[in-house]
Protein backbone atom coordinates (compact mmCIF):
# COMPACT_ATOMS: atom_id res chain seq x y z
CA MET A 1 -32.96 -40.94 -60.40
CA ARG A 2 -31.17 -39.43 -57.27
CA LYS A 3 -32.34 -36.52 -54.85
CA GLY A 4 -30.15 -34.12 -53.69
CA ASN A 5 -29.19 -31.95 -51.42
CA ILE A 6 -30.58 -28.72 -50.89
CA LEU A 7 -29.76 -25.79 -48.19
CA VAL A 8 -32.16 -23.74 -46.86
CA VAL A 9 -31.69 -20.02 -45.63
CA ASP A 10 -33.95 -17.79 -43.75
CA ASP A 11 -33.80 -15.90 -40.55
CA ASP A 12 -37.77 -16.58 -40.16
CA GLU A 13 -38.53 -20.08 -38.80
CA PHE A 14 -41.50 -20.59 -40.01
CA PHE A 15 -40.11 -20.27 -43.30
CA ARG A 16 -37.29 -22.89 -42.74
CA VAL A 17 -39.79 -25.35 -41.38
CA ARG A 18 -42.12 -24.84 -43.92
CA TYR A 19 -39.25 -25.30 -46.62
CA SER A 20 -38.08 -28.15 -44.94
CA ASP A 21 -41.32 -29.94 -44.82
CA VAL A 22 -42.72 -29.76 -48.30
CA LEU A 23 -38.98 -30.39 -49.78
CA ARG A 24 -38.53 -33.37 -47.84
CA GLU A 25 -41.67 -35.41 -48.46
CA GLY A 26 -40.53 -34.64 -52.21
CA GLY A 27 -37.48 -36.74 -51.60
CA TYR A 28 -34.77 -34.33 -51.15
CA THR A 29 -32.29 -33.95 -48.05
CA VAL A 30 -32.67 -30.37 -46.42
CA TYR A 31 -30.14 -28.62 -44.20
CA CYS A 32 -31.36 -25.41 -42.98
CA ALA A 33 -29.65 -21.93 -41.67
CA SER A 34 -30.62 -19.13 -39.87
CA CYS A 35 -28.37 -16.56 -41.84
CA GLY A 36 -25.70 -16.16 -44.48
CA GLU A 37 -22.72 -16.38 -42.38
CA ASP A 38 -24.06 -20.33 -40.77
CA ALA A 39 -25.16 -20.79 -45.02
CA LEU A 40 -21.45 -20.38 -45.66
CA ASP A 41 -20.24 -22.92 -42.49
CA VAL A 42 -22.73 -25.53 -43.90
CA ILE A 43 -21.92 -25.15 -47.70
CA ALA A 44 -18.06 -25.82 -46.67
CA GLU A 45 -18.87 -28.90 -44.94
CA LYS A 46 -22.04 -30.32 -46.58
CA ASP A 47 -22.14 -31.52 -50.09
CA ILE A 48 -25.14 -28.58 -51.16
CA ASP A 49 -26.45 -28.91 -54.64
CA VAL A 50 -29.11 -26.06 -54.62
CA VAL A 51 -29.30 -23.10 -52.04
CA ILE A 52 -33.08 -21.77 -51.48
CA THR A 53 -32.17 -18.36 -49.86
CA ASP A 54 -34.41 -15.17 -49.05
CA LEU A 55 -33.31 -11.87 -50.65
CA VAL A 56 -34.16 -9.85 -47.27
CA MET A 57 -31.91 -10.93 -44.65
CA PRO A 58 -30.05 -8.93 -41.74
CA GLY A 59 -26.21 -9.00 -41.85
CA MET A 60 -25.28 -11.01 -45.42
CA ASP A 61 -28.49 -10.31 -47.77
CA GLY A 62 -29.48 -13.16 -50.35
CA LEU A 63 -27.36 -11.56 -53.26
CA ALA A 64 -23.92 -11.23 -51.48
CA LEU A 65 -24.67 -15.03 -50.43
CA LEU A 66 -25.61 -16.02 -53.93
CA ASP A 67 -21.75 -14.29 -54.58
CA ALA A 68 -20.29 -15.61 -51.37
CA ALA A 69 -21.73 -19.51 -52.10
CA ARG A 70 -20.84 -19.80 -56.10
CA GLN A 71 -17.62 -18.91 -55.38
CA ARG A 72 -16.74 -21.79 -53.22
CA ASN A 73 -18.70 -24.21 -55.54
CA ALA A 74 -19.17 -22.25 -58.86
CA LEU A 75 -22.09 -25.46 -59.77
CA ILE A 76 -24.40 -24.64 -56.43
CA ASP A 77 -27.36 -23.21 -57.90
CA VAL A 78 -29.72 -20.14 -55.88
CA ILE A 79 -33.32 -19.99 -55.94
CA MET A 80 -34.44 -16.61 -54.44
CA VAL A 81 -37.61 -16.13 -52.30
CA THR A 82 -38.85 -12.60 -51.07
CA GLY A 83 -41.90 -10.95 -49.91
CA HIS A 84 -40.80 -7.82 -51.39
CA ILE A 85 -40.11 -8.85 -55.24
CA THR A 86 -40.02 -6.23 -57.28
CA ILE A 87 -38.78 -6.49 -61.02
CA GLU A 88 -35.53 -4.62 -60.36
CA SER A 89 -34.41 -7.43 -57.34
CA ALA A 90 -35.69 -9.97 -59.45
CA ILE A 91 -33.72 -9.36 -62.42
CA LYS A 92 -30.30 -8.53 -60.41
CA ALA A 93 -30.29 -11.84 -59.24
CA LEU A 94 -30.85 -13.46 -62.22
CA LYS A 95 -28.05 -11.62 -63.30
CA ASN A 96 -25.71 -12.70 -60.30
CA GLY A 97 -26.18 -15.89 -61.63
CA ALA A 98 -29.61 -17.01 -59.66
CA PHE A 99 -31.44 -20.08 -61.20
CA ASP A 100 -34.78 -18.61 -60.46
CA TYR A 101 -36.81 -16.54 -57.85
CA ILE A 102 -40.01 -17.19 -56.01
CA SER A 103 -42.51 -14.38 -54.22
CA LYS A 104 -43.77 -15.11 -50.88
CA PRO A 105 -45.92 -16.58 -49.65
CA VAL A 106 -44.70 -19.35 -51.31
CA ASN A 107 -47.00 -21.93 -53.13
CA ASP A 108 -45.75 -25.72 -52.24
CA ASP A 109 -46.34 -26.75 -55.94
CA VAL A 110 -44.20 -23.51 -57.31
CA LEU A 111 -41.61 -24.20 -54.83
CA MET A 112 -41.24 -28.00 -55.75
CA HIS A 113 -41.92 -26.99 -59.83
CA THR A 114 -39.09 -24.78 -59.37
CA VAL A 115 -36.53 -27.10 -57.42
CA ASN A 116 -37.56 -29.90 -59.50
CA SER A 117 -36.52 -28.26 -62.73
CA CYS A 118 -33.40 -26.90 -61.06
CA PHE A 119 -32.56 -30.30 -60.68
CA GLU A 120 -33.45 -31.59 -64.03
CA LYS A 121 -30.68 -29.66 -65.41
CA LYS A 122 -27.87 -30.39 -63.16
CA TYR A 123 -28.86 -34.33 -63.78
CA LEU A 124 -28.67 -33.62 -67.63
CA LEU A 125 -24.80 -31.97 -67.09
CA GLU A 126 -24.29 -34.68 -64.88
CA GLU A 127 -24.63 -36.96 -67.93
CA ASN A 128 -22.11 -34.93 -70.06
CA GLN A 129 -18.83 -34.18 -67.85
CA GLU A 130 -17.37 -32.56 -70.95
CA ILE A 131 -20.20 -29.85 -71.07
CA ARG A 132 -19.94 -29.99 -66.98
CA GLN A 133 -16.29 -29.30 -67.03
CA SER A 134 -16.39 -26.62 -69.47
CA LEU A 135 -19.58 -25.00 -67.62
CA LYS A 136 -17.65 -25.28 -64.73
CA LEU A 137 -14.69 -23.55 -65.99
CA PHE A 138 -16.58 -20.40 -67.51
CA GLU A 139 -18.62 -20.27 -63.83
CA VAL A 140 -15.52 -20.12 -62.41
CA SER A 141 -14.17 -17.70 -64.63
CA TRP A 142 -17.19 -15.50 -64.80
CA ALA A 143 -17.49 -15.15 -60.71
CA VAL A 144 -13.44 -14.18 -60.32
CA SER A 145 -14.00 -11.63 -63.27
CA LYS A 146 -16.99 -9.41 -62.03
CA THR A 147 -14.81 -9.03 -58.48
CA LEU A 148 -13.39 -5.31 -58.63
CA GLU A 149 -11.93 -5.08 -55.50
CA GLU A 150 -8.53 -6.25 -55.10
CA GLU A 151 -8.48 -7.51 -51.73
CA LYS A 152 -11.53 -9.51 -52.58
CA LEU A 153 -10.10 -10.48 -55.93
CA HIS A 154 -7.16 -12.66 -53.70
CA GLU A 155 -9.84 -15.00 -51.64
CA ALA A 156 -12.43 -15.09 -55.43
CA ALA A 157 -9.07 -16.18 -57.12
CA LEU A 158 -7.97 -18.74 -55.11
CA ASP A 159 -11.51 -20.18 -54.25
CA ALA A 160 -11.84 -20.42 -57.93
CA ILE A 161 -8.36 -22.39 -58.78
CA LEU A 162 -9.37 -24.93 -56.05
CA GLN A 163 -12.36 -25.43 -57.79
CA ILE A 164 -10.71 -26.34 -61.05
CA VAL A 165 -7.64 -28.41 -59.98
CA PRO A 166 -7.51 -31.31 -57.72
CA SER A 167 -5.81 -29.87 -54.52
CA GLY A 168 -5.57 -30.43 -50.29
CA ALA A 169 -4.68 -26.69 -49.77
CA GLY A 170 -3.71 -23.62 -51.18
CA ALA A 171 -2.64 -20.02 -51.00
CA PHE A 172 -2.27 -16.86 -52.37
CA ILE A 173 0.84 -14.97 -52.75
CA LYS A 174 1.21 -11.44 -53.93
CA TYR A 175 4.45 -9.72 -54.85
CA ASP A 176 4.89 -6.37 -53.44
CA SER A 177 6.85 -4.63 -55.75
CA GLU A 178 8.27 -2.09 -53.37
CA GLN A 179 8.83 -3.84 -50.42
CA LYS A 180 9.99 -6.81 -53.48
CA LEU A 181 8.51 -8.98 -50.65
CA LEU A 182 5.93 -11.90 -51.01
CA LEU A 183 2.92 -11.40 -48.82
CA ILE A 184 0.43 -14.46 -48.23
CA LYS A 185 -3.29 -12.90 -48.50
CA ALA A 186 -5.57 -15.84 -48.34
CA MET A 187 -5.66 -19.60 -47.27
CA ARG A 188 -7.70 -22.71 -47.90
CA GLN A 189 -6.89 -26.11 -45.47
CA ILE A 190 -3.90 -24.38 -44.39
CA ASP A 191 -2.10 -22.02 -41.87
CA LYS A 192 0.55 -19.05 -42.78
CA LYS A 193 3.30 -20.66 -40.61
CA GLU A 194 3.01 -24.00 -43.10
CA THR A 195 2.59 -22.11 -45.89
CA ALA A 196 5.32 -19.41 -45.44
CA GLY A 197 7.74 -22.70 -44.52
CA ILE A 198 6.80 -24.37 -47.64
CA LEU A 199 7.81 -21.01 -50.03
CA ARG A 200 11.17 -21.04 -48.29
CA LEU A 201 11.79 -24.62 -49.37
CA LEU A 202 10.40 -23.32 -53.30
CA LYS A 203 12.87 -20.54 -53.11
CA SER A 204 15.63 -22.26 -51.90
CA HIS A 205 14.88 -25.37 -54.85
CA SER A 206 13.75 -22.69 -57.43
CA ASP A 207 16.18 -21.72 -60.42
CA VAL A 208 14.44 -18.13 -60.57
CA PRO A 209 13.08 -15.96 -57.99
CA LEU A 210 9.47 -17.31 -57.61
CA GLN A 211 7.82 -13.65 -58.49
CA LYS A 212 9.83 -14.12 -61.90
CA ILE A 213 8.16 -17.73 -62.67
CA ARG A 214 6.40 -16.73 -65.67
CA ASP A 215 4.88 -21.15 -66.54
CA ILE A 216 2.59 -22.97 -64.23
CA THR A 217 5.20 -25.04 -62.84
CA VAL A 218 4.90 -28.07 -60.45
CA PHE A 219 7.54 -28.79 -57.55
CA THR A 220 7.32 -32.19 -55.58
CA ALA A 221 8.58 -32.82 -51.84
CA ALA A 222 11.10 -35.03 -53.55
CA GLU A 223 12.52 -33.48 -56.12
CA CYS A 224 13.30 -30.15 -53.18
CA ASN A 225 14.75 -33.15 -51.72
CA GLU A 226 12.46 -32.53 -48.78
CA GLU A 227 13.52 -34.03 -45.55
CA SER A 228 13.13 -31.38 -42.76
CA GLY A 229 9.25 -32.08 -42.54
CA GLY A 230 8.60 -28.20 -44.32
CA PHE A 231 6.37 -29.85 -47.25
CA GLY A 232 4.43 -31.35 -44.15
CA GLU A 233 1.23 -33.83 -45.31
CA PHE A 234 1.81 -32.76 -49.01
CA GLY A 235 3.69 -34.32 -51.58
CA ALA A 236 3.67 -31.75 -54.46
CA ALA A 237 2.81 -27.67 -54.99
CA LEU A 238 1.35 -26.35 -58.35
CA LEU A 239 2.49 -22.47 -58.95
CA VAL A 240 0.22 -20.51 -60.93
CA PRO A 241 1.60 -17.14 -62.06
CA ILE A 242 -0.97 -14.21 -61.72
CA GLY A 243 -0.71 -11.11 -64.09
CA ASN A 244 2.19 -11.02 -66.66
CA VAL A 245 6.12 -10.19 -67.59
CA ARG A 246 5.48 -6.19 -67.41
CA ARG A 247 3.03 -6.42 -64.35
CA PRO A 248 3.58 -9.91 -62.29
CA THR A 249 0.50 -9.40 -59.36
CA GLY A 250 1.91 -13.18 -57.33
CA PHE A 251 0.75 -16.40 -57.96
CA LEU A 252 -1.58 -19.37 -56.91
CA LEU A 253 0.11 -21.95 -54.50
CA VAL A 254 -2.36 -25.30 -55.06
CA LEU A 255 -1.35 -28.30 -52.64
CA LYS A 256 -1.76 -32.12 -53.25
CA LYS A 257 -1.45 -34.75 -50.35
CA LYS A 258 1.13 -36.95 -50.25
CA GLY A 259 0.51 -40.41 -52.38
CA VAL A 260 -1.47 -38.63 -54.69
CA GLU A 261 -0.06 -38.13 -58.73
CA PRO A 262 0.83 -35.13 -59.45
CA TRP A 263 -1.33 -32.75 -61.60
CA ASN A 264 -1.59 -33.82 -65.09
CA THR A 265 -1.76 -32.09 -68.36
CA GLU A 266 -5.60 -31.22 -68.71
CA GLU A 267 -5.36 -30.36 -65.22
CA ARG A 268 -2.94 -27.89 -65.74
CA GLN A 269 -4.52 -26.84 -69.04
CA ARG A 270 -7.44 -25.74 -66.87
CA ALA A 271 -5.54 -23.99 -64.55
CA SER A 272 -4.27 -21.99 -67.12
CA PHE A 273 -7.14 -21.00 -68.81
CA VAL A 274 -7.94 -19.92 -65.20
CA ALA A 275 -5.48 -18.20 -64.11
CA GLU A 276 -5.84 -15.96 -67.58
CA HIS A 277 -9.15 -14.62 -66.44
CA ILE A 278 -8.10 -13.99 -63.12
CA SER A 279 -4.88 -11.86 -64.50
CA ILE A 280 -7.79 -10.28 -66.64
CA ALA A 281 -9.54 -9.21 -63.36
CA TYR A 282 -6.45 -8.05 -61.39
CA GLU A 283 -5.99 -5.49 -64.62
CA ASN A 284 -9.53 -4.60 -64.29
CA ALA A 285 -9.66 -3.89 -60.45
CA ARG A 286 -6.21 -1.61 -60.83
CA LYS A 287 -8.38 0.53 -63.22
CA TYR A 288 -11.72 0.36 -61.23
CA GLU A 289 -9.04 1.42 -58.45
CA ALA A 290 -7.59 4.35 -60.68
CA ALA A 291 -10.66 5.25 -61.84
CA GLN A 292 -12.61 5.49 -58.01
CA GLN A 293 -9.43 7.27 -57.15
CA LEU A 294 -10.58 9.74 -59.71
CA ILE A 295 -14.07 10.49 -57.98
CA PHE A 296 -12.47 11.25 -54.78
CA VAL A 297 -9.71 13.30 -55.83
CA ASP A 298 -9.84 17.18 -55.76
CA SER A 299 -8.97 18.50 -58.94
CA LEU A 300 -7.04 21.81 -57.69
CA THR A 301 -5.14 20.42 -54.91
CA ASN A 302 -5.05 16.65 -55.66
CA LEU A 303 -5.49 16.01 -52.47
CA TYR A 304 -8.64 13.96 -51.26
CA ASN A 305 -11.89 15.56 -51.59
CA SER A 306 -15.01 16.06 -49.16
CA LYS A 307 -16.90 12.78 -50.70
CA TYR A 308 -13.88 10.36 -49.44
CA LEU A 309 -13.91 12.03 -46.12
CA HIS A 310 -17.13 9.90 -45.39
CA LYS A 311 -15.77 7.17 -47.00
CA ILE A 312 -12.56 6.66 -45.34
CA LEU A 313 -13.87 8.54 -42.26
CA GLU A 314 -16.29 5.76 -41.62
CA LYS A 315 -13.60 3.36 -42.30
CA GLU A 316 -11.33 4.22 -39.40
CA LEU A 317 -13.65 4.52 -37.03
CA GLN A 318 -14.54 1.29 -37.43
CA ARG A 319 -10.97 -0.08 -37.27
CA SER A 320 -10.72 2.06 -34.36
CA ALA A 321 -13.89 0.87 -32.69
CA ARG A 322 -12.53 -3.13 -33.39
CA LEU A 323 -8.99 -1.55 -31.84
CA LYS A 324 -10.27 0.53 -29.16
CA LEU A 325 -7.75 3.03 -30.38
CA PRO A 326 -9.05 6.83 -30.94
CA VAL A 327 -9.09 8.87 -34.09
CA SER A 328 -8.50 12.75 -34.05
CA LEU A 329 -10.11 15.13 -36.59
CA LEU A 330 -8.61 18.85 -37.47
CA PHE A 331 -10.96 21.64 -39.36
CA ILE A 332 -8.81 23.82 -40.83
CA ASP A 333 -10.00 27.09 -42.19
CA ILE A 334 -7.67 29.55 -43.90
CA ASP A 335 -8.27 33.29 -42.16
CA ASN A 336 -9.38 35.91 -43.94
CA PHE A 337 -8.65 33.97 -47.41
CA LYS A 338 -11.23 36.50 -49.24
CA GLN A 339 -9.05 39.18 -48.75
CA VAL A 340 -6.23 37.51 -50.35
CA ASN A 341 -8.23 37.14 -53.78
CA GLU A 342 -9.67 40.58 -53.40
CA MET A 343 -5.90 42.09 -53.22
CA ASN A 344 -4.70 39.50 -55.98
CA ASP A 345 -6.50 37.39 -58.30
CA HIS A 346 -8.31 34.15 -57.93
CA LEU A 347 -5.50 32.79 -60.12
CA VAL A 348 -3.11 33.11 -57.18
CA GLY A 349 -5.69 32.19 -54.47
CA SER A 350 -6.09 29.15 -56.80
CA ARG A 351 -1.84 28.82 -56.34
CA ILE A 352 -2.43 29.26 -52.60
CA LEU A 353 -4.76 26.67 -51.78
CA VAL A 354 -2.42 24.15 -53.35
CA GLU A 355 0.52 25.25 -51.46
CA MET A 356 -1.60 25.26 -48.49
CA GLY A 357 -2.05 21.26 -48.86
CA GLY A 358 1.44 21.09 -49.03
CA GLN A 359 2.18 22.86 -46.09
CA ILE A 360 -0.54 20.85 -44.42
CA LEU A 361 1.05 17.81 -45.60
CA LYS A 362 4.47 17.97 -44.35
CA CYS A 363 3.04 17.90 -41.17
CA VAL A 364 1.59 15.11 -40.41
CA ARG A 365 2.08 11.40 -41.03
CA GLU A 366 1.86 8.84 -43.84
CA VAL A 367 -1.03 6.95 -42.65
CA ASP A 368 -3.07 10.15 -41.77
CA THR A 369 -5.49 11.78 -44.76
CA VAL A 370 -5.58 15.41 -45.94
CA ILE A 371 -8.69 16.52 -47.47
CA ARG A 372 -9.90 19.62 -49.04
CA TYR A 373 -13.04 19.96 -47.35
CA GLY A 374 -14.41 22.93 -50.08
CA GLY A 375 -13.17 26.35 -50.81
CA ASP A 376 -10.33 27.34 -48.00
CA GLU A 377 -11.33 24.57 -45.76
CA TYR A 378 -8.92 21.33 -44.94
CA VAL A 379 -9.97 18.49 -42.90
CA VAL A 380 -7.14 16.05 -41.27
CA ILE A 381 -7.55 12.22 -40.02
CA LEU A 382 -5.49 11.48 -37.62
CA VAL A 383 -5.25 7.89 -36.91
CA ASP A 384 -4.48 6.30 -33.57
CA ALA A 385 -4.43 9.83 -32.42
CA GLY A 386 -5.73 11.02 -28.92
CA TYR A 387 -6.38 14.71 -28.92
CA ASP A 388 -3.50 15.48 -26.80
CA HIS A 389 -1.36 13.90 -29.78
CA ALA A 390 -3.94 16.07 -32.12
CA LEU A 391 -2.96 19.05 -30.28
CA VAL A 392 0.42 18.84 -31.10
CA ILE A 393 0.07 18.22 -34.84
CA ALA A 394 -2.30 21.02 -34.91
CA GLU A 395 -0.28 23.44 -32.97
CA ARG A 396 2.89 21.72 -35.55
CA ILE A 397 0.10 23.10 -38.60
CA ARG A 398 -0.68 26.59 -36.93
CA ALA A 399 2.76 27.59 -36.65
CA THR A 400 4.06 26.29 -40.16
CA VAL A 401 1.48 27.99 -41.89
CA ALA A 402 2.41 31.51 -40.20
CA GLU A 403 5.94 30.91 -40.49
CA ASN A 404 5.22 30.35 -44.64
CA LYS A 405 5.58 33.01 -47.33
CA PHE A 406 3.22 31.96 -49.34
CA GLN A 407 4.13 32.41 -53.42
CA HIS A 408 7.74 33.42 -52.03
CA GLU A 409 9.24 32.65 -55.83
CA GLU A 410 6.27 34.53 -57.83
CA GLY A 411 7.48 37.44 -55.39
CA LEU A 412 4.69 37.81 -53.32
CA ASP A 413 5.63 36.72 -49.63
CA ILE A 414 1.85 36.60 -48.89
CA GLN A 415 1.31 35.84 -44.98
CA LEU A 416 -1.35 33.69 -44.10
CA THR A 417 -2.91 32.31 -40.69
CA VAL A 418 -5.26 29.39 -40.43
CA SER A 419 -7.78 28.52 -37.29
CA ILE A 420 -7.91 24.80 -36.41
CA GLY A 421 -10.85 23.32 -34.56
CA ILE A 422 -10.00 19.57 -32.87
CA SER A 423 -12.65 16.73 -32.18
CA THR A 424 -11.67 13.08 -30.96
CA TYR A 425 -13.30 10.15 -31.16
CA PRO A 426 -14.61 8.29 -28.76
CA VAL A 427 -14.25 11.07 -26.37
CA HIS A 428 -16.48 13.88 -28.15
CA THR A 429 -19.00 11.28 -29.99
CA GLN A 430 -19.15 8.15 -31.76
CA ASP A 431 -21.25 9.18 -34.58
CA LYS A 432 -18.79 10.05 -37.80
CA ARG A 433 -21.09 13.38 -38.95
CA GLU A 434 -20.91 14.54 -35.43
CA LEU A 435 -17.50 14.48 -35.45
CA ILE A 436 -17.13 16.33 -38.06
CA ARG A 437 -19.58 18.97 -36.62
CA ILE A 438 -17.96 19.14 -33.40
CA ALA A 439 -14.42 19.85 -35.04
CA ASP A 440 -16.03 22.40 -37.44
CA LYS A 441 -17.86 24.00 -34.42
CA ALA A 442 -14.32 24.63 -32.23
CA MET A 443 -13.14 25.84 -35.69
CA PHE A 444 -15.19 28.70 -35.65
CA LYS A 445 -14.30 29.09 -32.04
CA ALA A 446 -10.72 29.20 -32.62
CA LYS A 447 -12.01 32.46 -35.20
CA ASP A 448 -13.88 33.91 -32.85
CA ALA A 449 -11.12 33.93 -30.16
CA SER A 450 -8.80 35.69 -31.91
CA ARG A 451 -7.80 33.43 -35.15
CA ASN A 452 -4.37 32.15 -35.61
CA CYS A 453 -5.37 29.55 -32.91
CA VAL A 454 -6.13 26.27 -32.13
CA PHE A 455 -9.31 24.94 -29.90
CA LEU A 456 -10.06 21.38 -28.90
CA ALA A 457 -13.86 20.81 -28.02
CA PRO A 458 -14.46 20.77 -24.78
CA VAL A 459 -13.51 17.22 -23.26
CA PRO A 460 -16.33 15.93 -21.22
CA GLU A 461 -15.69 14.67 -18.01
CA GLU A 462 -14.79 11.13 -16.66
CA ASP A 463 -16.90 9.84 -14.44
CA GLU A 464 -15.25 9.47 -10.73
């Protein structure tokens, strides 16, 4: 009976060495990694059968590694090890596809028994290729179907198809229905320039636009009269459509090296099976995104709500830190809004809040985010904008509101003003909550000054 390849992943060198010694004595070939990211590099380079990973690690934890490893190879088995084992974490690991779990301190006999049991299952599957192939189809489809974020789904879908059909490279191509463009969203073993070149060739030799192809289609370099080298080292391309006639998502582009026979009927059928599950996964991802949007939308104004503020601000600050660009925050409060409700009624007040949101939206860019913070308060996130630009936008909002006659169509012509406070990342702070607090405090300074004005939080002096 052959012994297999095991990857041990633990941020503690002591445990890596100990597990490795025990497993090598048992006849297994062992590789090691100190973190999830390094583990994925080993999986990409080596033929790994089993991963033994700590559940709790800095950066990518064991559960994230489990998902990523099985995304790249659905037949990799993962055994979890943790010093903080609970019923909940064990069940979560098993539900996510782990073969088993072991608690620290690890007993050598328990480790070997768990690993040997794992390989016994593998040997049984290898003896029956039909069952093995069916299991792989199931595992690949399951891994894709539980991915609910569309950006992650591009990668998961591509990895899934490349596990099922023979290939030398591949890419996920998304159809942008608004711009009528084909966008390259994920690639394996090929770069963007090569992928774009092959797409141009396929477009010029296809009877219909690529986004309208509904059946799995094979293009060969010979059929495309390919003489310019656009196919490069590849001799054939397999187009696997994703989505349906009503809502095409795009397609998977699978490539085979020159000199290799194109895909046979059985391989195309397997590709079709996986494509159906990928299409369902995209539909589920769209529904999930729509449901998520409802959580973050204010039911009255249809603007984003305060829950979304923390989510999007965190994302924008991370992006700004990476690109070294500023982000500014406007905290807006309607002056004397309580009197408006007292002089009219709450229904008028609600309509004014909706109209106020529209006035603010008119003054900002599409890339900026307008949020109803609560009551008569609004927050605007201005991306790639320093405090000087934020002052211009804030003054534009102040003036627009002051000049507007609210509820004019209802015959009321209510005059309103706003007080606006400004804070800027990273000038004032690099902390998300502190940035909001500083803008809020600046808004109160504007109210104390005279109302109907803009106040920029004091800018720290630069060191000479």
